[in-house]
Amino acid sequence: MSDSPTIVAVVPAAGIGSRMQADRPKQYLKLGNKTVLEHTLSALATHPRIARVIVAVSRNDPYFDTLPLAHSDWLIRVEGGTERADSVFNALQYVDDDEWALVHDAARPCVTHMDIDSLLEVVQWPDVKGGILATPVRDTMKRAQAGSLPLHVAHTECREDLWHALTPQLFPASLLKNSLREALNANIRITDEASAIEWAGYRVALIDSNPANIKITRPADMPLAAFYLNQQDTVCE
């Protein structure tokens, strides 16, 4: 629609990903002939509603400039911060206040355009200030006893109304900038963009996501992500 705001994708990619036990950050591991980060950035850049993509990488990152898409005209590189929230805040300085920021994990290469389409619908919803992709909790949830060795169950959590927060997460850029700034200044622990918006007192919509939108955190996630990407390619052929 002609009155729809401009959408700018923001990708924090300054993390190390130590749980992968690899020789480089997980976003630079190969899935087929591309890195995880290349798959992620390409999925965003090829969406027709996304005007440009901003990626935040660490100052001394030796890998990013070697990527074929590193100097694409749709891509802006900025310096990442110590924490995710710092990287996102730095990237938001390149997003105009009247635009919307769609923040997506670098290690979620399997996001689909269909899911992004669903998320973008929240722009037209007057009673919320943005939304996130998420999936309802389906498994029984256990709370571990803090400090126990060996680790054991403290109690079972009720899974009713619990959701796994995923990305992308979509908010008005000016609201997200202000919420992140105020939360960081107040030393509030920000685990995702929605937590800053929630802390500021605004409602965030939950948009049911395709479960294939996994985040790569451990070695076993790599073949699963490769499978999902292959499935997507097969469907598009």
Protein backbone atom coordinates (compact mmCIF):
# COMPACT_ATOMS: atom_id res chain seq x y z
CA MET A 1 0.00 0.00 0.00
CA SER A 2 1.22 3.49 -0.81
CA ASP A 3 0.89 4.71 2.77
CA SER A 4 2.87 1.81 4.22
CA PRO A 5 6.04 2.82 6.09
CA THR A 6 9.49 1.94 4.85
CA ILE A 7 10.82 -1.29 6.37
CA VAL A 8 14.53 -1.54 7.20
CA ALA A 9 16.03 -4.85 8.29
CA VAL A 10 18.59 -4.82 11.13
CA VAL A 11 20.83 -7.84 11.72
CA PRO A 12 23.05 -7.96 14.84
CA ALA A 13 25.99 -10.16 13.81
CA ALA A 14 28.76 -9.32 16.26
CA GLY A 15 28.39 -12.45 18.41
CA ILE A 16 31.00 -15.16 18.88
CA GLY A 17 28.72 -18.20 19.28
CA SER A 18 31.02 -20.20 21.58
CA ARG A 19 28.56 -23.09 21.94
CA MET A 20 29.22 -24.05 18.32
CA GLN A 21 32.78 -25.09 19.24
CA ALA A 22 33.95 -23.91 15.82
CA ASP A 23 37.00 -22.01 14.57
CA ARG A 24 34.91 -18.97 13.72
CA PRO A 25 31.62 -17.30 14.73
CA LYS A 26 28.61 -19.40 13.76
CA GLN A 27 27.32 -16.80 11.28
CA TYR A 28 30.38 -17.53 9.12
CA LEU A 29 29.99 -21.31 9.01
CA LYS A 30 29.03 -22.73 5.62
CA LEU A 31 25.58 -24.07 4.72
CA GLY A 32 26.10 -25.37 1.22
CA ASN A 33 28.03 -22.79 -0.78
CA LYS A 34 27.06 -19.82 1.41
CA THR A 35 27.67 -18.82 4.99
CA VAL A 36 24.83 -18.72 7.50
CA LEU A 37 24.99 -14.92 7.43
CA GLU A 38 24.75 -14.79 3.63
CA HIS A 39 21.62 -16.95 3.68
CA THR A 40 20.09 -14.69 6.34
CA LEU A 41 20.93 -11.40 4.65
CA SER A 42 19.76 -12.66 1.26
CA ALA A 43 16.42 -13.83 2.68
CA LEU A 44 15.82 -10.31 3.97
CA ALA A 45 17.17 -8.37 1.00
CA THR A 46 15.02 -10.26 -1.50
CA HIS A 47 11.78 -9.49 0.32
CA PRO A 48 9.93 -6.84 -1.74
CA ARG A 49 8.90 -4.76 1.28
CA ILE A 50 12.39 -4.45 2.78
CA ALA A 51 14.14 -1.33 1.50
CA ARG A 52 17.63 -2.00 2.82
CA VAL A 53 19.53 -4.14 5.31
CA ILE A 54 21.86 -2.97 8.10
CA VAL A 55 24.28 -5.50 9.58
CA ALA A 56 26.24 -4.87 12.80
CA VAL A 57 29.54 -6.74 12.99
CA SER A 58 32.41 -6.53 15.44
CA ARG A 59 35.11 -3.91 14.84
CA ASN A 60 37.87 -6.45 14.16
CA ASP A 61 35.74 -8.94 12.22
CA PRO A 62 38.09 -10.58 9.65
CA TYR A 63 35.38 -12.49 7.77
CA PHE A 64 32.69 -10.07 6.68
CA ASP A 65 34.65 -8.29 3.94
CA THR A 66 35.43 -11.63 2.29
CA LEU A 67 31.74 -12.29 1.58
CA PRO A 68 30.59 -11.65 -2.02
CA LEU A 69 27.66 -9.54 -0.81
CA ALA A 70 29.70 -7.42 1.61
CA HIS A 71 29.65 -4.35 -0.60
CA SER A 72 26.14 -4.68 -2.03
CA ASP A 73 24.31 -1.38 -2.50
CA TRP A 74 21.37 -2.60 -0.39
CA LEU A 75 23.60 -3.40 2.59
CA ILE A 76 25.00 -1.05 5.26
CA ARG A 77 27.69 -2.28 7.65
CA VAL A 78 27.94 -0.74 11.11
CA GLU A 79 30.04 -1.50 14.16
CA GLY A 80 28.48 -3.92 16.61
CA GLY A 81 28.55 -3.63 20.38
CA THR A 82 29.40 -5.83 23.34
CA GLU A 83 25.81 -7.04 23.73
CA ARG A 84 23.04 -7.66 21.22
CA ALA A 85 21.11 -4.58 22.40
CA ASP A 86 24.19 -2.41 21.80
CA SER A 87 24.55 -3.72 18.24
CA VAL A 88 20.88 -3.12 17.47
CA PHE A 89 21.02 0.37 18.96
CA ASN A 90 24.07 1.24 16.85
CA ALA A 91 22.32 0.01 13.70
CA LEU A 92 19.18 1.99 14.52
CA GLN A 93 21.14 5.22 14.16
CA TYR A 94 20.96 4.55 10.41
CA VAL A 95 17.18 4.11 10.41
CA ASP A 96 14.93 7.18 10.08
CA ASP A 97 12.40 7.79 12.84
CA ASP A 98 9.45 7.41 10.45
CA GLU A 99 10.65 3.99 9.28
CA TRP A 100 10.05 0.60 10.91
CA ALA A 101 12.92 -1.63 12.04
CA LEU A 102 12.68 -5.36 11.39
CA VAL A 103 15.34 -6.93 13.62
CA HIS A 104 16.44 -10.47 12.78
CA ASP A 105 19.01 -12.86 14.23
CA ALA A 106 22.05 -13.47 12.04
CA ALA A 107 21.81 -17.18 12.87
CA ARG A 108 18.22 -17.66 11.61
CA PRO A 109 18.82 -18.34 7.91
CA CYS A 110 15.57 -20.27 7.34
CA VAL A 111 13.10 -17.41 7.77
CA THR A 112 10.52 -17.36 4.97
CA HIS A 113 8.97 -14.47 3.09
CA MET A 114 5.56 -15.80 4.11
CA ASP A 115 6.42 -15.35 7.79
CA ILE A 116 7.76 -11.86 7.12
CA ASP A 117 4.52 -11.02 5.29
CA SER A 118 2.51 -12.12 8.33
CA LEU A 119 4.64 -10.03 10.66
CA LEU A 120 4.38 -6.92 8.49
CA GLU A 121 0.61 -6.92 8.94
CA VAL A 122 1.06 -5.53 12.48
CA VAL A 123 2.01 -2.17 10.93
CA GLN A 124 -1.73 -1.68 10.30
CA TRP A 125 -2.87 -2.72 13.80
CA PRO A 126 -3.63 0.37 15.94
CA ASP A 127 -3.76 -1.40 19.32
CA VAL A 128 -0.18 -2.73 19.36
CA LYS A 129 3.23 -1.13 18.93
CA GLY A 130 4.80 -3.89 16.87
CA GLY A 131 5.13 -7.64 16.93
CA ILE A 132 7.37 -10.66 16.91
CA LEU A 133 7.40 -14.06 15.27
CA ALA A 134 6.93 -16.76 17.89
CA THR A 135 5.84 -20.36 18.35
CA PRO A 136 3.66 -21.73 21.16
CA VAL A 137 5.40 -23.98 23.67
CA ARG A 138 4.43 -27.58 22.96
CA ASP A 139 6.69 -29.54 25.29
CA THR A 140 6.45 -29.95 29.04
CA MET A 141 8.59 -27.24 30.64
CA LYS A 142 10.85 -27.98 33.63
CA ARG A 143 12.41 -25.38 35.94
CA ALA A 144 15.89 -26.47 37.06
CA GLN A 145 16.98 -26.16 40.66
CA ALA A 146 19.47 -23.30 40.66
CA GLY A 147 22.98 -24.35 41.61
CA SER A 148 22.18 -28.05 41.89
CA LEU A 149 24.84 -30.62 41.02
CA PRO A 150 23.87 -32.80 39.30
CA LEU A 151 21.26 -30.52 37.76
CA HIS A 152 17.75 -31.60 38.68
CA VAL A 153 14.15 -30.46 38.37
CA ALA A 154 12.82 -27.90 40.83
CA HIS A 155 9.28 -28.03 39.46
CA THR A 156 7.22 -28.29 36.27
CA GLU A 157 6.12 -25.02 34.69
CA CYS A 158 2.65 -24.60 33.24
CA ARG A 159 3.13 -24.25 29.48
CA GLU A 160 -0.28 -22.66 28.89
CA ASP A 161 0.10 -19.26 27.18
CA LEU A 162 3.91 -19.69 26.91
CA TRP A 163 5.53 -18.86 23.58
CA HIS A 164 9.07 -19.16 22.22
CA ALA A 165 10.16 -15.71 21.06
CA LEU A 166 11.78 -15.78 17.61
CA THR A 167 12.78 -13.15 15.08
CA PRO A 168 12.21 -11.04 13.06
CA GLN A 169 10.80 -8.55 15.55
CA LEU A 170 9.19 -5.43 14.09
CA PHE A 171 8.75 -2.01 15.72
CA PRO A 172 8.63 1.69 14.80
CA ALA A 173 12.28 2.76 14.67
CA SER A 174 11.84 5.82 16.88
CA LEU A 175 10.02 3.82 19.57
CA LEU A 176 12.62 1.06 19.55
CA LYS A 177 15.50 3.56 19.72
CA ASN A 178 13.99 5.35 22.70
CA SER A 179 13.00 2.15 24.50
CA LEU A 180 16.44 0.60 24.08
CA ARG A 181 18.19 3.80 25.18
CA GLU A 182 16.09 4.16 28.31
CA ALA A 183 16.31 0.48 29.22
CA LEU A 184 20.08 0.38 28.77
CA ASN A 185 20.48 3.56 30.83
CA ALA A 186 18.39 1.94 33.57
CA ASN A 187 20.58 -1.21 33.47
CA ILE A 188 17.61 -3.34 32.44
CA ARG A 189 18.57 -6.73 31.00
CA ILE A 190 17.40 -6.71 27.40
CA THR A 191 17.28 -10.16 25.82
CA ASP A 192 15.41 -9.15 22.67
CA GLU A 193 13.86 -6.02 21.19
CA ALA A 194 10.40 -6.92 22.45
CA SER A 195 11.66 -6.93 26.05
CA ALA A 196 12.63 -3.26 25.70
CA ILE A 197 9.23 -2.38 24.23
CA GLU A 198 7.45 -4.37 26.96
CA TRP A 199 9.52 -2.65 29.66
CA ALA A 200 8.45 0.71 28.20
CA GLY A 201 4.83 -0.32 28.72
CA TYR A 202 3.67 -1.14 25.19
CA ARG A 203 1.79 -4.14 23.80
CA VAL A 204 3.63 -6.52 21.46
CA ALA A 205 1.75 -8.84 19.10
CA LEU A 206 2.64 -12.54 18.83
CA ILE A 207 2.64 -13.84 15.26
CA ASP A 208 2.69 -17.63 14.90
CA SER A 209 5.81 -18.60 12.96
CA ASN A 210 6.88 -21.53 10.85
CA PRO A 211 8.79 -23.86 13.24
CA ALA A 212 11.52 -24.17 10.57
CA ASN A 213 12.64 -20.67 11.57
CA ILE A 214 15.31 -22.13 13.86
CA LYS A 215 18.24 -20.35 15.45
CA ILE A 216 21.59 -22.05 14.94
CA THR A 217 23.25 -22.35 18.35
CA ARG A 218 24.78 -25.86 18.45
CA PRO A 219 26.52 -28.11 15.90
CA ALA A 220 23.43 -30.34 15.55
CA ASP A 221 21.45 -27.34 14.24
CA MET A 222 23.54 -27.07 11.07
CA PRO A 223 22.25 -30.17 9.21
CA LEU A 224 18.69 -29.31 10.26
CA ALA A 225 19.05 -25.78 8.86
CA ALA A 226 20.51 -27.22 5.66
CA PHE A 227 17.50 -29.53 5.35
CA TYR A 228 15.03 -26.66 5.76
CA LEU A 229 16.89 -24.51 3.24
CA ASN A 230 16.89 -27.37 0.74
CA GLN A 231 13.15 -27.81 1.27
CA GLN A 232 12.57 -24.13 0.59
CA ASP A 233 14.63 -24.31 -2.62
CA THR A 234 12.66 -27.35 -3.75
CA VAL A 235 9.33 -25.59 -3.18
CA CYS A 236 10.49 -22.53 -5.13
CA GLU A 237 11.64 -24.54 -8.15
